[in-house]
Each structure stands twice: as structure tokens, then as C-alpha cells.
N, C-alpha and C. Protein backbone atom coordinates (compact mmCIF):
# COMPACT_ATOMS: atom_id res chain seq x y z
N MET A 1 62.24 -226.54 -68.13
CA MET A 1 62.12 -225.52 -69.13
C MET A 1 63.51 -224.95 -69.43
N SER A 2 63.73 -224.62 -70.67
CA SER A 2 65.04 -224.08 -71.03
C SER A 2 65.13 -222.62 -70.57
N SER A 3 66.35 -222.16 -70.45
CA SER A 3 66.56 -220.78 -70.00
C SER A 3 66.06 -219.79 -71.04
N ALA A 4 66.09 -220.14 -72.32
CA ALA A 4 65.58 -219.25 -73.37
C ALA A 4 64.08 -219.04 -73.21
N VAL A 5 63.36 -220.11 -72.90
CA VAL A 5 61.91 -220.00 -72.70
C VAL A 5 61.61 -219.14 -71.48
N LEU A 6 62.38 -219.32 -70.42
CA LEU A 6 62.20 -218.51 -69.21
C LEU A 6 62.46 -217.04 -69.48
N VAL A 7 63.45 -216.75 -70.30
CA VAL A 7 63.76 -215.36 -70.64
C VAL A 7 62.59 -214.76 -71.43
N VAL A 8 62.07 -215.50 -72.39
CA VAL A 8 60.93 -215.01 -73.18
C VAL A 8 59.73 -214.75 -72.28
N ILE A 9 59.45 -215.67 -71.38
CA ILE A 9 58.32 -215.50 -70.46
C ILE A 9 58.54 -214.27 -69.57
N ALA A 10 59.75 -214.09 -69.09
CA ALA A 10 60.05 -212.93 -68.24
C ALA A 10 59.88 -211.63 -69.01
N VAL A 11 60.37 -211.60 -70.25
CA VAL A 11 60.24 -210.38 -71.07
C VAL A 11 58.76 -210.08 -71.34
N LEU A 12 57.98 -211.09 -71.66
CA LEU A 12 56.55 -210.89 -71.90
C LEU A 12 55.84 -210.41 -70.63
N ALA A 13 56.20 -210.97 -69.50
CA ALA A 13 55.59 -210.56 -68.23
C ALA A 13 55.93 -209.11 -67.90
N ILE A 14 57.19 -208.74 -68.12
CA ILE A 14 57.60 -207.35 -67.87
C ILE A 14 56.88 -206.41 -68.83
N GLY A 15 56.77 -206.80 -70.10
CA GLY A 15 56.06 -205.98 -71.08
C GLY A 15 54.61 -205.80 -70.72
N ALA A 16 53.95 -206.90 -70.34
CA ALA A 16 52.54 -206.83 -69.96
C ALA A 16 52.36 -205.95 -68.72
N GLY A 17 53.24 -206.11 -67.76
CA GLY A 17 53.16 -205.29 -66.55
C GLY A 17 53.37 -203.82 -66.86
N SER A 18 54.29 -203.53 -67.76
CA SER A 18 54.56 -202.14 -68.16
C SER A 18 53.33 -201.53 -68.83
N LEU A 19 52.69 -202.29 -69.73
CA LEU A 19 51.48 -201.81 -70.38
C LEU A 19 50.38 -201.51 -69.36
N PHE A 20 50.22 -202.41 -68.42
CA PHE A 20 49.20 -202.24 -67.39
C PHE A 20 49.46 -200.97 -66.57
N VAL A 21 50.70 -200.78 -66.13
CA VAL A 21 51.05 -199.59 -65.34
C VAL A 21 50.87 -198.33 -66.17
N ALA A 22 51.29 -198.36 -67.43
CA ALA A 22 51.14 -197.19 -68.30
C ALA A 22 49.68 -196.83 -68.48
N SER A 23 48.83 -197.83 -68.62
CA SER A 23 47.40 -197.55 -68.82
C SER A 23 46.79 -196.92 -67.58
N LEU A 24 47.19 -197.38 -66.40
CA LEU A 24 46.64 -196.82 -65.17
C LEU A 24 47.14 -195.42 -64.89
N ALA A 25 48.35 -195.11 -65.37
CA ALA A 25 48.95 -193.81 -65.11
C ALA A 25 48.54 -192.75 -66.12
N SER A 26 47.88 -193.15 -67.21
CA SER A 26 47.56 -192.17 -68.25
C SER A 26 46.46 -191.21 -67.77
N ARG A 27 46.56 -190.01 -68.23
CA ARG A 27 45.60 -188.95 -67.89
C ARG A 27 44.82 -188.54 -69.14
N PRO A 28 43.60 -188.04 -68.96
CA PRO A 28 42.85 -187.58 -70.14
C PRO A 28 43.61 -186.48 -70.87
N PRO A 29 43.54 -186.48 -72.19
CA PRO A 29 44.24 -185.44 -72.94
C PRO A 29 43.62 -184.07 -72.70
N ALA A 30 44.43 -183.05 -72.85
CA ALA A 30 43.93 -181.68 -72.74
C ALA A 30 42.98 -181.41 -73.90
N GLY A 31 42.02 -180.57 -73.68
CA GLY A 31 41.13 -180.16 -74.76
C GLY A 31 39.82 -180.93 -74.83
N LEU A 32 39.60 -181.89 -73.93
CA LEU A 32 38.31 -182.56 -73.94
C LEU A 32 37.25 -181.59 -73.45
N GLY A 33 36.01 -181.86 -73.81
CA GLY A 33 34.91 -180.99 -73.42
C GLY A 33 34.31 -180.32 -74.63
N VAL A 34 33.42 -179.38 -74.39
CA VAL A 34 32.71 -178.69 -75.46
C VAL A 34 33.19 -177.26 -75.52
N ARG A 35 33.56 -176.85 -76.72
CA ARG A 35 33.98 -175.47 -76.95
C ARG A 35 33.25 -174.96 -78.19
N GLY A 36 32.39 -173.99 -77.99
CA GLY A 36 31.62 -173.47 -79.12
C GLY A 36 30.75 -174.53 -79.77
N ASP A 37 30.07 -175.34 -78.98
CA ASP A 37 29.20 -176.42 -79.46
C ASP A 37 29.94 -177.50 -80.23
N ARG A 38 31.24 -177.63 -79.98
CA ARG A 38 32.03 -178.64 -80.68
C ARG A 38 32.88 -179.43 -79.69
N LEU A 39 32.95 -180.74 -79.94
CA LEU A 39 33.86 -181.60 -79.19
C LEU A 39 35.24 -181.49 -79.84
N ALA A 40 36.26 -181.95 -79.14
CA ALA A 40 37.62 -181.90 -79.67
C ALA A 40 37.71 -182.69 -80.97
N ALA A 41 38.58 -182.26 -81.83
CA ALA A 41 38.81 -182.98 -83.09
C ALA A 41 39.54 -184.29 -82.79
N CYS A 42 39.34 -185.27 -83.65
CA CYS A 42 40.07 -186.53 -83.53
C CYS A 42 41.52 -186.32 -83.97
N PRO A 43 42.44 -187.06 -83.36
CA PRO A 43 43.82 -187.02 -83.87
C PRO A 43 43.88 -187.75 -85.22
N SER A 44 45.02 -187.73 -85.86
CA SER A 44 45.14 -188.39 -87.17
C SER A 44 45.13 -189.91 -87.07
N SER A 45 45.39 -190.45 -85.88
CA SER A 45 45.41 -191.91 -85.71
C SER A 45 44.01 -192.48 -85.89
N PRO A 46 43.91 -193.76 -86.28
CA PRO A 46 42.59 -194.35 -86.55
C PRO A 46 41.82 -194.83 -85.31
N ASN A 47 42.23 -194.41 -84.12
CA ASN A 47 41.61 -194.90 -82.89
C ASN A 47 40.62 -193.91 -82.29
N CYS A 48 39.90 -193.20 -83.15
CA CYS A 48 38.95 -192.18 -82.68
C CYS A 48 37.80 -192.07 -83.68
N VAL A 49 36.60 -191.89 -83.15
CA VAL A 49 35.44 -191.55 -83.99
C VAL A 49 34.73 -190.36 -83.36
N SER A 50 34.12 -189.55 -84.22
CA SER A 50 33.40 -188.38 -83.73
C SER A 50 32.30 -188.00 -84.71
N THR A 51 31.17 -187.60 -84.16
CA THR A 51 30.07 -187.14 -85.00
C THR A 51 30.39 -185.80 -85.65
N GLN A 52 31.41 -185.12 -85.15
CA GLN A 52 31.76 -183.81 -85.69
C GLN A 52 33.07 -183.84 -86.48
N ALA A 53 33.57 -185.04 -86.76
CA ALA A 53 34.79 -185.17 -87.55
C ALA A 53 34.53 -184.67 -88.97
N GLU A 54 35.53 -184.09 -89.56
CA GLU A 54 35.39 -183.56 -90.90
C GLU A 54 35.96 -184.49 -91.96
N ASP A 55 36.49 -185.63 -91.55
CA ASP A 55 36.99 -186.60 -92.52
C ASP A 55 36.20 -187.90 -92.40
N ARG A 56 36.11 -188.61 -93.47
CA ARG A 56 35.29 -189.82 -93.56
C ARG A 56 35.73 -190.94 -92.62
N ASP A 57 37.05 -191.08 -92.41
CA ASP A 57 37.55 -192.19 -91.60
C ASP A 57 37.16 -192.06 -90.12
N HIS A 58 37.03 -190.85 -89.63
CA HIS A 58 36.72 -190.63 -88.22
C HIS A 58 35.24 -190.33 -87.97
N TRP A 59 34.50 -189.97 -89.01
CA TRP A 59 33.11 -189.54 -88.83
C TRP A 59 32.19 -190.71 -88.51
N ILE A 60 31.23 -190.45 -87.63
CA ILE A 60 30.18 -191.40 -87.29
C ILE A 60 28.89 -190.60 -87.11
N ARG A 61 27.78 -191.20 -87.45
CA ARG A 61 26.49 -190.51 -87.44
C ARG A 61 26.06 -190.17 -86.01
N PRO A 62 25.57 -188.93 -85.78
CA PRO A 62 25.05 -188.55 -84.45
C PRO A 62 23.70 -189.20 -84.19
N ILE A 63 23.21 -189.00 -83.00
CA ILE A 63 21.89 -189.52 -82.63
C ILE A 63 20.91 -188.35 -82.64
N ASP A 64 19.92 -188.44 -83.51
CA ASP A 64 18.86 -187.44 -83.54
C ASP A 64 17.68 -187.98 -82.75
N THR A 65 17.20 -187.15 -81.85
CA THR A 65 16.11 -187.60 -80.99
C THR A 65 15.24 -186.43 -80.58
N ASP A 66 14.01 -186.74 -80.25
CA ASP A 66 13.12 -185.72 -79.69
C ASP A 66 12.83 -186.03 -78.23
N HIS A 67 13.63 -186.91 -77.64
CA HIS A 67 13.47 -187.25 -76.22
C HIS A 67 13.68 -185.98 -75.40
N PRO A 68 12.86 -185.74 -74.37
CA PRO A 68 12.98 -184.50 -73.60
C PRO A 68 14.30 -184.35 -72.85
N ASP A 69 14.93 -185.44 -72.42
CA ASP A 69 16.24 -185.36 -71.75
C ASP A 69 17.09 -186.57 -72.16
N PRO A 70 17.65 -186.53 -73.35
CA PRO A 70 18.36 -187.70 -73.87
C PRO A 70 19.59 -188.10 -73.07
N LEU A 71 20.21 -187.18 -72.36
CA LEU A 71 21.40 -187.57 -71.59
C LEU A 71 21.04 -188.43 -70.39
N ILE A 72 19.80 -188.37 -69.93
CA ILE A 72 19.37 -189.31 -68.88
C ILE A 72 19.46 -190.73 -69.42
N VAL A 73 19.01 -190.92 -70.64
CA VAL A 73 19.08 -192.25 -71.27
C VAL A 73 20.53 -192.66 -71.46
N ILE A 74 21.37 -191.74 -71.91
CA ILE A 74 22.81 -192.04 -72.09
C ILE A 74 23.42 -192.46 -70.76
N ARG A 75 23.12 -191.75 -69.69
CA ARG A 75 23.67 -192.10 -68.37
C ARG A 75 23.24 -193.50 -67.95
N GLN A 76 21.98 -193.85 -68.21
CA GLN A 76 21.49 -195.18 -67.87
C GLN A 76 22.21 -196.25 -68.70
N ILE A 77 22.47 -195.97 -69.95
CA ILE A 77 23.18 -196.91 -70.81
C ILE A 77 24.62 -197.09 -70.32
N LEU A 78 25.27 -196.02 -69.94
CA LEU A 78 26.66 -196.11 -69.46
C LEU A 78 26.75 -197.02 -68.23
N GLN A 79 25.74 -197.01 -67.39
CA GLN A 79 25.73 -197.85 -66.19
C GLN A 79 25.67 -199.34 -66.53
N GLN A 80 25.25 -199.66 -67.74
CA GLN A 80 25.13 -201.06 -68.15
C GLN A 80 26.46 -201.66 -68.60
N PHE A 81 27.46 -200.83 -68.85
CA PHE A 81 28.76 -201.30 -69.33
C PHE A 81 29.70 -201.55 -68.15
N PRO A 82 30.53 -202.58 -68.25
CA PRO A 82 31.54 -202.80 -67.20
C PRO A 82 32.71 -201.83 -67.37
N ARG A 83 33.40 -201.57 -66.29
CA ARG A 83 34.63 -200.78 -66.29
C ARG A 83 34.45 -199.37 -66.88
N VAL A 84 33.36 -198.72 -66.52
CA VAL A 84 33.09 -197.35 -66.98
C VAL A 84 33.02 -196.44 -65.77
N THR A 85 33.69 -195.30 -65.87
CA THR A 85 33.65 -194.28 -64.84
C THR A 85 33.21 -192.97 -65.47
N VAL A 86 32.19 -192.34 -64.92
CA VAL A 86 31.78 -191.02 -65.41
C VAL A 86 32.72 -190.01 -64.77
N VAL A 87 33.41 -189.26 -65.61
CA VAL A 87 34.42 -188.30 -65.16
C VAL A 87 33.82 -186.92 -64.98
N SER A 88 32.92 -186.55 -65.88
CA SER A 88 32.30 -185.23 -65.85
C SER A 88 30.86 -185.36 -66.33
N ASP A 89 29.96 -184.61 -65.68
CA ASP A 89 28.55 -184.75 -66.00
C ASP A 89 27.85 -183.41 -65.76
N THR A 90 27.33 -182.81 -66.83
CA THR A 90 26.57 -181.57 -66.71
C THR A 90 25.23 -181.76 -67.41
N ALA A 91 24.46 -180.72 -67.50
CA ALA A 91 23.15 -180.80 -68.13
C ALA A 91 23.24 -181.14 -69.62
N THR A 92 24.35 -180.76 -70.28
CA THR A 92 24.46 -180.98 -71.72
C THR A 92 25.66 -181.84 -72.13
N TYR A 93 26.46 -182.28 -71.16
CA TYR A 93 27.72 -182.96 -71.50
C TYR A 93 28.01 -184.09 -70.50
N VAL A 94 28.48 -185.23 -71.03
CA VAL A 94 28.93 -186.34 -70.20
C VAL A 94 30.26 -186.83 -70.76
N HIS A 95 31.25 -186.96 -69.88
CA HIS A 95 32.54 -187.56 -70.24
C HIS A 95 32.70 -188.82 -69.40
N ALA A 96 32.86 -189.95 -70.08
CA ALA A 96 33.05 -191.23 -69.39
C ALA A 96 34.37 -191.85 -69.84
N GLU A 97 34.94 -192.62 -68.95
CA GLU A 97 36.18 -193.33 -69.24
C GLU A 97 35.87 -194.83 -69.27
N PHE A 98 36.11 -195.46 -70.41
CA PHE A 98 35.95 -196.90 -70.57
C PHE A 98 37.33 -197.53 -70.45
N ARG A 99 37.43 -198.65 -69.77
CA ARG A 99 38.72 -199.35 -69.65
C ARG A 99 38.59 -200.75 -70.23
N SER A 100 39.61 -201.16 -70.98
CA SER A 100 39.61 -202.51 -71.56
C SER A 100 39.77 -203.55 -70.46
N ARG A 101 39.35 -204.75 -70.77
CA ARG A 101 39.34 -205.81 -69.75
C ARG A 101 40.76 -206.22 -69.33
N LEU A 102 41.63 -206.51 -70.27
CA LEU A 102 42.91 -207.12 -69.92
C LEU A 102 43.92 -206.12 -69.37
N PHE A 103 44.28 -205.12 -70.16
CA PHE A 103 45.33 -204.19 -69.74
C PHE A 103 44.79 -202.88 -69.18
N ARG A 104 43.47 -202.74 -69.13
CA ARG A 104 42.82 -201.54 -68.60
C ARG A 104 43.18 -200.28 -69.40
N PHE A 105 43.33 -200.44 -70.73
CA PHE A 105 43.59 -199.28 -71.59
C PHE A 105 42.39 -198.35 -71.52
N PRO A 106 42.62 -197.05 -71.35
CA PRO A 106 41.50 -196.11 -71.24
C PRO A 106 41.07 -195.53 -72.58
N ASP A 107 39.78 -195.39 -72.75
CA ASP A 107 39.18 -194.67 -73.88
C ASP A 107 38.32 -193.57 -73.29
N ASP A 108 38.43 -192.38 -73.86
CA ASP A 108 37.61 -191.25 -73.43
C ASP A 108 36.40 -191.15 -74.35
N VAL A 109 35.21 -191.19 -73.75
CA VAL A 109 33.96 -191.14 -74.50
C VAL A 109 33.19 -189.91 -74.02
N GLU A 110 32.81 -189.06 -74.97
CA GLU A 110 32.11 -187.82 -74.63
C GLU A 110 30.78 -187.76 -75.37
N PHE A 111 29.80 -187.18 -74.71
CA PHE A 111 28.48 -186.95 -75.29
C PHE A 111 28.12 -185.49 -75.07
N PHE A 112 27.64 -184.85 -76.11
CA PHE A 112 27.18 -183.47 -76.01
C PHE A 112 25.81 -183.40 -76.65
N CYS A 113 24.82 -182.95 -75.88
CA CYS A 113 23.47 -182.80 -76.40
C CYS A 113 23.24 -181.32 -76.70
N SER A 114 23.09 -181.02 -77.97
CA SER A 114 22.86 -179.65 -78.39
C SER A 114 21.48 -179.20 -77.90
N PRO A 115 21.42 -178.17 -77.06
CA PRO A 115 20.12 -177.72 -76.55
C PRO A 115 19.21 -177.19 -77.66
N ASP A 116 19.79 -176.74 -78.76
CA ASP A 116 18.98 -176.17 -79.84
C ASP A 116 18.32 -177.25 -80.70
N THR A 117 19.02 -178.36 -80.94
CA THR A 117 18.52 -179.36 -81.88
C THR A 117 18.11 -180.68 -81.22
N GLY A 118 18.57 -180.95 -80.01
CA GLY A 118 18.32 -182.24 -79.38
C GLY A 118 19.23 -183.33 -79.92
N ARG A 119 20.08 -183.00 -80.86
CA ARG A 119 21.01 -183.96 -81.46
C ARG A 119 22.12 -184.28 -80.45
N ILE A 120 22.43 -185.57 -80.34
CA ILE A 120 23.52 -185.99 -79.46
C ILE A 120 24.76 -186.20 -80.31
N HIS A 121 25.76 -185.37 -80.05
CA HIS A 121 27.07 -185.54 -80.68
C HIS A 121 27.92 -186.35 -79.71
N PHE A 122 28.81 -187.16 -80.24
CA PHE A 122 29.69 -187.92 -79.38
C PHE A 122 31.05 -188.13 -80.02
N ARG A 123 31.99 -188.45 -79.17
CA ARG A 123 33.38 -188.69 -79.57
C ARG A 123 33.90 -189.81 -78.69
N SER A 124 34.61 -190.76 -79.29
CA SER A 124 35.22 -191.85 -78.54
C SER A 124 36.63 -192.03 -79.06
N ALA A 125 37.62 -191.94 -78.16
CA ALA A 125 39.02 -192.00 -78.58
C ALA A 125 39.85 -192.78 -77.58
N SER A 126 40.75 -193.60 -78.11
CA SER A 126 41.70 -194.31 -77.27
C SER A 126 42.75 -193.32 -76.79
N ARG A 127 43.11 -193.46 -75.55
CA ARG A 127 44.12 -192.57 -74.98
C ARG A 127 45.53 -193.02 -75.34
N LEU A 128 45.72 -194.32 -75.52
CA LEU A 128 47.04 -194.88 -75.79
C LEU A 128 47.02 -195.65 -77.11
N GLY A 129 48.16 -195.75 -77.73
CA GLY A 129 48.30 -196.57 -78.92
C GLY A 129 47.87 -195.86 -80.18
N HIS A 130 47.95 -196.61 -81.28
CA HIS A 130 47.63 -196.05 -82.59
C HIS A 130 46.31 -196.60 -83.13
N SER A 131 46.18 -197.90 -83.17
CA SER A 131 44.97 -198.52 -83.68
C SER A 131 44.15 -199.08 -82.53
N ASP A 132 42.84 -199.09 -82.70
CA ASP A 132 41.96 -199.69 -81.68
C ASP A 132 41.20 -200.88 -82.25
N LEU A 133 41.54 -201.27 -83.49
CA LEU A 133 40.89 -202.40 -84.17
C LEU A 133 39.38 -202.22 -84.27
N GLY A 134 38.94 -200.97 -84.35
CA GLY A 134 37.52 -200.67 -84.53
C GLY A 134 36.68 -200.67 -83.26
N VAL A 135 37.35 -200.75 -82.10
CA VAL A 135 36.61 -200.84 -80.83
C VAL A 135 35.77 -199.59 -80.57
N ASN A 136 36.33 -198.41 -80.79
CA ASN A 136 35.57 -197.18 -80.49
C ASN A 136 34.33 -197.06 -81.37
N ARG A 137 34.46 -197.34 -82.66
CA ARG A 137 33.31 -197.26 -83.56
C ARG A 137 32.23 -198.28 -83.16
N ALA A 138 32.66 -199.51 -82.90
CA ALA A 138 31.70 -200.56 -82.51
C ALA A 138 30.98 -200.19 -81.22
N ARG A 139 31.71 -199.65 -80.24
CA ARG A 139 31.10 -199.26 -78.97
C ARG A 139 30.05 -198.18 -79.19
N MET A 140 30.37 -197.19 -80.00
CA MET A 140 29.43 -196.09 -80.19
C MET A 140 28.21 -196.53 -81.00
N GLU A 141 28.39 -197.45 -81.93
CA GLU A 141 27.23 -197.99 -82.66
C GLU A 141 26.34 -198.77 -81.69
N GLU A 142 26.96 -199.51 -80.77
CA GLU A 142 26.17 -200.24 -79.77
C GLU A 142 25.41 -199.29 -78.86
N ILE A 143 26.05 -198.21 -78.44
CA ILE A 143 25.37 -197.23 -77.59
C ILE A 143 24.21 -196.60 -78.35
N ARG A 144 24.40 -196.30 -79.64
CA ARG A 144 23.31 -195.74 -80.45
C ARG A 144 22.13 -196.72 -80.49
N GLU A 145 22.42 -198.01 -80.74
CA GLU A 145 21.35 -199.01 -80.81
C GLU A 145 20.63 -199.14 -79.47
N ARG A 146 21.37 -199.14 -78.37
CA ARG A 146 20.74 -199.22 -77.05
C ARG A 146 19.88 -198.00 -76.78
N PHE A 147 20.38 -196.83 -77.20
CA PHE A 147 19.62 -195.59 -77.01
C PHE A 147 18.30 -195.67 -77.76
N LEU A 148 18.37 -196.05 -79.03
CA LEU A 148 17.14 -196.11 -79.84
C LEU A 148 16.16 -197.14 -79.29
N ARG A 149 16.66 -198.28 -78.82
CA ARG A 149 15.77 -199.27 -78.20
C ARG A 149 15.13 -198.72 -76.94
N ALA A 150 15.93 -198.00 -76.13
CA ALA A 150 15.42 -197.47 -74.86
C ALA A 150 14.34 -196.42 -75.09
N VAL A 151 14.56 -195.50 -76.03
CA VAL A 151 13.55 -194.46 -76.24
C VAL A 151 12.32 -195.03 -76.93
N THR A 152 12.49 -196.06 -77.75
CA THR A 152 11.34 -196.72 -78.36
C THR A 152 10.52 -197.43 -77.28
N ALA A 153 11.20 -198.10 -76.36
CA ALA A 153 10.50 -198.78 -75.26
C ALA A 153 9.80 -197.76 -74.37
N ASP A 154 10.46 -196.62 -74.09
CA ASP A 154 9.84 -195.57 -73.27
C ASP A 154 8.58 -195.03 -73.94
N SER A 155 8.66 -194.78 -75.25
CA SER A 155 7.49 -194.22 -75.91
C SER A 155 6.36 -195.23 -75.99
N ALA A 156 6.70 -196.52 -76.07
CA ALA A 156 5.66 -197.55 -76.08
C ALA A 156 4.95 -197.61 -74.73
N LYS A 157 5.70 -197.37 -73.64
CA LYS A 157 5.10 -197.39 -72.31
C LYS A 157 4.18 -196.20 -72.08
N THR A 158 4.53 -195.05 -72.67
CA THR A 158 3.75 -193.84 -72.42
C THR A 158 2.60 -193.69 -73.39
N THR A 159 2.60 -194.47 -74.47
CA THR A 159 1.50 -194.41 -75.42
C THR A 159 0.33 -195.20 -74.85
N THR A 160 -0.79 -194.55 -74.76
CA THR A 160 -1.96 -195.25 -74.20
C THR A 160 -2.62 -196.07 -75.29
N PRO A 161 -3.05 -197.27 -74.95
CA PRO A 161 -3.73 -198.08 -75.95
C PRO A 161 -5.05 -197.43 -76.34
N ARG A 162 -5.46 -197.74 -77.55
CA ARG A 162 -6.74 -197.18 -78.01
C ARG A 162 -7.87 -197.66 -77.12
N GLN A 163 -8.77 -196.76 -76.89
CA GLN A 163 -9.95 -197.13 -76.09
C GLN A 163 -10.83 -198.05 -76.93
N GLN A 164 -11.20 -199.15 -76.36
CA GLN A 164 -12.10 -200.07 -77.05
C GLN A 164 -13.54 -199.65 -76.74
N PRO A 165 -14.37 -199.59 -77.77
CA PRO A 165 -15.76 -199.22 -77.51
C PRO A 165 -16.43 -200.28 -76.64
N VAL A 166 -17.23 -199.81 -75.75
CA VAL A 166 -17.96 -200.71 -74.87
C VAL A 166 -19.33 -200.96 -75.51
N ALA A 167 -19.64 -202.21 -75.67
CA ALA A 167 -20.93 -202.54 -76.30
C ALA A 167 -22.06 -202.23 -75.33
N ALA A 168 -23.03 -201.54 -75.85
CA ALA A 168 -24.20 -201.24 -75.01
C ALA A 168 -25.08 -202.49 -74.98
N GLY A 169 -25.55 -202.83 -73.86
CA GLY A 169 -26.32 -204.06 -73.81
C GLY A 169 -27.53 -203.93 -73.11
């Protein structure tokens, strides 16, 4: 191999290692959590979605449900994903950290269930970088779909089948 190729490989390896170390050393941003029934606003970068965003690029539809404890379902769904750590968990709020497969880039994902409406608000934001190539939006749409399937399956289990009349004989 030529020395130029070895230099390129070394530079790429150092860059990849630096990204990996930076991702592991990153800390959650200040301001996460619920304040006055609101999650933190998204930054101007395109790597965040929120049900409470006031601009079209960051906004995503919340989950409306009449499930008696929807965060139980959210917690069960989070357990189905690889590389997820629940950082904070209360009766109305869950903060989870998702890590990417290759470089372990962290994304902060928050869920807030409004006790008044039962609506689940959520926010998903990359901690590092500028663009996420749509990963946060896709993840939250998948969680919404899993949630709706889970509560539909739960209601089907609890619904009793109609009683069939017994023929008198």
C-alpha cells in the first residue's frame, strides 16, 4: 500500500475515533423536562421534532389516547428498541436516550402525558451535529404506530365477545 493511502486510512480512523469519543462524552442539554406543561423548544437546526413546536419544519402530531396509563405503553415500546436508556421516569414524563449503532450518537427523546387531556406530547432531538437525515421524525412516527397497535391490541383483548344465544332444545 502506498504511504498516501495509509495516511488517508489513519486520518479516517482518527476522525472516526474522535466522533465516537465525542458522542460518549456528550451530556444532555440544559432545559430538558417539562416546564408549565411544555417540553423544551427545538433548536433552529433540522435535527429535532416536537409536538409542541411552533414552526412547520419541527412540528409533529401528538398522540391522542384515552388509555388509562399511556406512559406504561410508551415504556414497553422503549424496551423494544436497541441502545435505549431511560434517563428519567415519573408519572407524567419519560426521558430516554437513544444511541446510533455505529458512532453511538445520542438523541434525547422525551414524552409528556398531559394529565388533563391524556394527550402524549413528545420531543426527539439529536445532541450532536446539524442534520439527522430525518431519523428523529421517522423514529417518533414508528413509536406512534407501535403505540396505536399496542392500545388497539389491548382493547381487543379486553373486549368481550358477544354472547351467542344458546338454542333451547
